[in-house]
């Protein structure tokens, strides 16, 4: 909320009503106090409605266009919200929350890229494809975790080797969402860690979406 907005005027009017009750004040005293409270509330509401939106962080980036691999409009909106929530977590110092959000965002994009394939045989014939130990057959996609998605994505050319390596680190830190694992490893994420992971995440998003600049290189997001 804008710092210039205050409930002080409204509060003082209601306090006058309460104080007058204790003193058995005249009816006109109550009417005047309630009228003042109503006017103060109306003025406060007008200020809230007319206040400009909170400015974005100076380091905030514009979410990319997810439509190239996500056809569902509602899911596109969810991904944009997730992107923005990652940056809000970073800006507020919520490092672990930001990292968990990044892992979820990437996993959703891996799934979307996989679902986009009309021929999914490359996913199930890769060396790193996860195998059901009971049936000795590839696990169905809904049972894949972030680890095999990262490994297979590199193997079939969606992401680079360096992208795979740093994504694996992000995956491991995302798993510190489990308190016992964090306690046993003695890990505490710092701001610079989370910011580094966000750089990694954005680079992987670029690779998964296939965003290219007019000169043929990758365009930053």
Protein backbone atom coordinates (compact mmCIF):
# COMPACT_ATOMS: atom_id res chain seq x y z
CA UNK A 1 0.00 0.00 0.00
CA UNK A 2 1.10 3.56 -0.70
CA UNK A 3 2.75 4.94 2.49
CA UNK A 4 0.68 8.14 2.33
CA UNK A 5 -2.53 6.16 2.90
CA UNK A 6 -3.58 5.80 6.51
CA UNK A 7 -6.55 4.56 8.51
CA UNK A 8 -5.84 7.11 11.21
CA UNK A 9 -8.70 9.44 10.31
CA UNK A 10 -11.18 6.58 10.15
CA UNK A 11 -9.92 5.10 13.40
CA UNK A 12 -10.15 8.39 15.28
CA UNK A 13 -13.81 8.80 14.22
CA UNK A 14 -14.73 5.34 15.45
CA UNK A 15 -12.84 5.93 18.69
CA UNK A 16 -14.95 9.03 19.22
CA UNK A 17 -18.09 6.89 18.88
CA UNK A 18 -16.78 4.41 21.47
CA UNK A 19 -15.70 7.13 23.88
CA UNK A 20 -19.07 8.86 23.50
CA UNK A 21 -20.85 5.60 24.36
CA UNK A 22 -19.01 5.42 27.66
CA UNK A 23 -19.99 9.02 28.42
CA UNK A 24 -23.65 8.72 27.33
CA UNK A 25 -23.11 11.54 24.83
CA UNK A 26 -25.88 13.15 22.81
CA UNK A 27 -27.17 11.54 19.61
CA UNK A 28 -25.76 14.36 17.50
CA UNK A 29 -22.24 13.44 18.68
CA UNK A 30 -22.65 9.91 17.31
CA UNK A 31 -24.12 11.13 14.03
CA UNK A 32 -21.28 13.60 13.45
CA UNK A 33 -18.61 10.99 14.31
CA UNK A 34 -20.14 8.37 12.01
CA UNK A 35 -20.49 10.90 9.21
CA UNK A 36 -16.80 11.78 9.60
CA UNK A 37 -15.87 8.09 9.54
CA UNK A 38 -17.90 7.54 6.37
CA UNK A 39 -16.23 10.50 4.64
CA UNK A 40 -12.78 9.32 5.72
CA UNK A 41 -13.47 5.80 4.39
CA UNK A 42 -14.70 7.21 1.07
CA UNK A 43 -11.58 9.35 0.75
CA UNK A 44 -9.32 6.40 1.59
CA UNK A 45 -11.06 4.18 -0.94
CA UNK A 46 -10.62 6.82 -3.63
CA UNK A 47 -6.91 7.07 -2.84
CA UNK A 48 -6.49 3.30 -3.08
CA UNK A 49 -8.32 3.09 -6.40
CA UNK A 50 -6.39 5.98 -7.91
CA UNK A 51 -2.97 4.96 -6.61
CA UNK A 52 -0.54 3.80 -9.33
CA UNK A 53 0.46 0.11 -9.25
CA UNK A 54 3.59 -0.84 -7.35
CA UNK A 55 6.61 -0.52 -9.66
CA UNK A 56 8.35 -3.69 -10.77
CA UNK A 57 11.77 -4.47 -9.42
CA UNK A 58 14.45 -2.83 -11.56
CA UNK A 59 15.90 -6.29 -12.17
CA UNK A 60 12.58 -7.85 -13.20
CA UNK A 61 12.45 -9.36 -16.68
CA UNK A 62 9.55 -9.74 -19.07
CA UNK A 63 8.17 -13.30 -19.20
CA UNK A 64 8.75 -14.99 -22.57
CA UNK A 65 6.02 -16.11 -24.94
CA UNK A 66 5.29 -19.70 -23.92
CA UNK A 67 2.86 -20.29 -26.78
CA UNK A 68 5.51 -21.93 -28.98
CA UNK A 69 5.29 -25.14 -26.92
CA UNK A 70 2.20 -24.58 -24.74
CA UNK A 71 -1.05 -24.31 -26.71
CA UNK A 72 -3.42 -24.03 -23.73
CA UNK A 73 -3.99 -20.34 -22.96
CA UNK A 74 -4.75 -20.96 -19.31
CA UNK A 75 -1.47 -22.85 -18.88
CA UNK A 76 0.38 -20.02 -20.63
CA UNK A 77 -1.04 -17.61 -18.05
CA UNK A 78 -0.05 -19.93 -15.21
CA UNK A 79 3.52 -20.09 -16.51
CA UNK A 80 3.69 -16.30 -16.74
CA UNK A 81 2.45 -16.10 -13.14
CA UNK A 82 5.08 -18.65 -12.08
CA UNK A 83 7.80 -16.63 -13.82
CA UNK A 84 6.68 -13.47 -12.04
CA UNK A 85 6.43 -15.30 -8.72
CA UNK A 86 10.02 -16.49 -9.07
CA UNK A 87 11.12 -12.87 -9.40
CA UNK A 88 8.97 -11.77 -6.46
CA UNK A 89 10.58 -14.45 -4.30
CA UNK A 90 14.03 -13.32 -5.41
CA UNK A 91 13.25 -9.68 -4.70
CA UNK A 92 12.00 -10.49 -1.19
CA UNK A 93 14.95 -12.73 -0.30
CA UNK A 94 12.89 -15.96 -0.30
CA UNK A 95 15.74 -17.95 -1.84
CA UNK A 96 14.50 -21.50 -1.26
CA UNK A 97 10.97 -20.61 -2.38
CA UNK A 98 12.37 -19.04 -5.55
CA UNK A 99 14.48 -22.13 -6.30
CA UNK A 100 11.53 -24.48 -5.78
CA UNK A 101 9.44 -22.34 -8.14
CA UNK A 102 12.21 -22.45 -10.77
CA UNK A 103 12.32 -26.24 -10.65
CA UNK A 104 8.56 -26.46 -11.07
CA UNK A 105 8.62 -24.03 -13.99
CA UNK A 106 11.32 -26.00 -15.79
CA UNK A 107 9.65 -29.35 -15.20
CA UNK A 108 6.41 -28.01 -16.68
CA UNK A 109 8.26 -26.82 -19.79
CA UNK A 110 10.01 -30.17 -20.21
CA UNK A 111 6.61 -31.88 -20.01
CA UNK A 112 5.12 -29.41 -22.51
CA UNK A 113 7.99 -29.95 -24.94
CA UNK A 114 7.55 -33.72 -24.64
CA UNK A 115 3.78 -33.52 -25.16
CA UNK A 116 4.36 -31.44 -28.27
CA UNK A 117 6.08 -34.36 -30.02
CA UNK A 118 3.80 -36.33 -32.33
CA UNK A 119 6.43 -39.09 -32.40
CA UNK A 120 7.62 -39.74 -28.84
CA UNK A 121 9.91 -42.65 -29.71
CA UNK A 122 13.08 -40.58 -29.21
CA UNK A 123 12.04 -39.98 -25.59
CA UNK A 124 11.64 -43.69 -24.90
CA UNK A 125 14.70 -44.93 -26.80
CA UNK A 126 17.28 -42.63 -25.23
CA UNK A 127 20.04 -44.17 -23.09
CA UNK A 128 18.93 -42.07 -20.13
CA UNK A 129 15.23 -42.95 -20.42
CA UNK A 130 14.02 -44.11 -16.98
CA UNK A 131 13.16 -47.80 -16.82
CA UNK A 132 10.53 -49.52 -14.72
CA UNK A 133 12.56 -52.06 -12.76
CA UNK A 134 9.59 -54.41 -12.52
CA UNK A 135 8.61 -54.53 -16.20
CA UNK A 136 11.99 -53.49 -17.67
CA UNK A 137 10.11 -51.09 -19.94
CA UNK A 138 10.37 -47.29 -20.14
CA UNK A 139 8.37 -45.46 -17.53
CA UNK A 140 5.33 -43.59 -18.90
CA UNK A 141 5.87 -39.83 -19.11
CA UNK A 142 3.55 -38.95 -16.18
CA UNK A 143 5.94 -40.88 -13.91
CA UNK A 144 9.09 -39.06 -15.02
CA UNK A 145 10.77 -36.68 -12.58
CA UNK A 146 12.93 -33.68 -13.33
CA UNK A 147 16.12 -35.79 -13.41
CA UNK A 148 15.25 -37.94 -16.46
CA UNK A 149 13.71 -34.99 -18.24
CA UNK A 150 17.00 -33.11 -17.92
CA UNK A 151 19.09 -36.10 -19.02
CA UNK A 152 16.88 -37.05 -21.97
CA UNK A 153 16.47 -33.41 -23.04
CA UNK A 154 20.23 -33.14 -23.41
CA UNK A 155 20.53 -36.49 -25.15
CA UNK A 156 17.99 -35.59 -27.84
CA UNK A 157 19.34 -32.07 -28.31
CA UNK A 158 16.88 -29.82 -26.50
CA UNK A 159 19.47 -28.39 -24.14
CA UNK A 160 23.25 -28.10 -24.21
CA UNK A 161 25.69 -30.13 -22.11
CA UNK A 162 26.40 -27.14 -19.91
CA UNK A 163 22.65 -26.58 -19.61
CA UNK A 164 22.24 -30.17 -18.44
CA UNK A 165 25.03 -29.88 -15.87
CA UNK A 166 23.77 -26.69 -14.25
CA UNK A 167 20.15 -27.87 -14.42
CA UNK A 168 21.20 -30.92 -12.39
CA UNK A 169 22.56 -28.63 -9.68
CA UNK A 170 19.34 -26.61 -9.67
CA UNK A 171 17.38 -29.87 -9.41
CA UNK A 172 19.38 -30.96 -6.36
CA UNK A 173 18.86 -27.64 -4.60
CA UNK A 174 15.16 -27.65 -5.51
CA UNK A 175 14.92 -30.88 -3.51
CA UNK A 176 15.83 -29.00 -0.34
CA UNK A 177 12.14 -28.22 -0.19
CA UNK A 178 12.20 -31.27 2.10
CA UNK A 179 13.25 -29.92 5.55
CA UNK A 180 14.97 -33.13 6.70
CA UNK A 181 17.17 -33.21 3.60
CA UNK A 182 18.14 -29.59 4.15
CA UNK A 183 18.92 -30.27 7.81
CA UNK A 184 20.99 -33.39 7.13
CA UNK A 185 23.04 -31.64 4.43
CA UNK A 186 23.40 -28.41 6.40
CA UNK A 187 22.50 -26.29 3.38
CA UNK A 188 21.23 -22.72 3.46
CA UNK A 189 20.60 -20.92 0.17
CA UNK A 190 21.89 -17.36 -0.13
CA UNK A 191 20.72 -14.52 -2.39
CA UNK A 192 23.60 -14.97 -4.83
CA UNK A 193 22.82 -18.71 -5.11
CA UNK A 194 19.18 -18.08 -5.99
CA UNK A 195 20.09 -15.34 -8.48
CA UNK A 196 22.57 -17.67 -10.16
CA UNK A 197 19.87 -20.36 -10.39
CA UNK A 198 17.50 -17.81 -11.95
CA UNK A 199 20.10 -17.04 -14.64
CA UNK A 200 20.35 -20.78 -15.25
CA UNK A 201 16.59 -21.19 -15.39
CA UNK A 202 16.11 -18.36 -17.86
CA UNK A 203 18.83 -19.78 -20.11
CA UNK A 204 17.18 -23.20 -20.06
CA UNK A 205 13.80 -21.64 -20.85
CA UNK A 206 15.39 -19.99 -23.88
CA UNK A 207 16.72 -23.35 -25.04
CA UNK A 208 13.45 -25.20 -24.46
CA UNK A 209 11.38 -22.54 -26.24
CA UNK A 210 13.88 -22.23 -29.07
CA UNK A 211 13.91 -18.43 -28.78
CA UNK A 212 16.32 -17.00 -31.34
CA UNK A 213 17.43 -13.47 -32.04
CA UNK A 214 17.34 -11.98 -35.59
CA UNK A 215 21.10 -12.61 -35.85
CA UNK A 216 20.67 -16.29 -35.15
CA UNK A 217 21.84 -16.32 -31.54
CA UNK A 218 19.84 -16.76 -28.40
CA UNK A 219 17.84 -13.79 -27.16
CA UNK A 220 17.95 -13.04 -23.44
CA UNK A 221 14.74 -13.07 -21.46
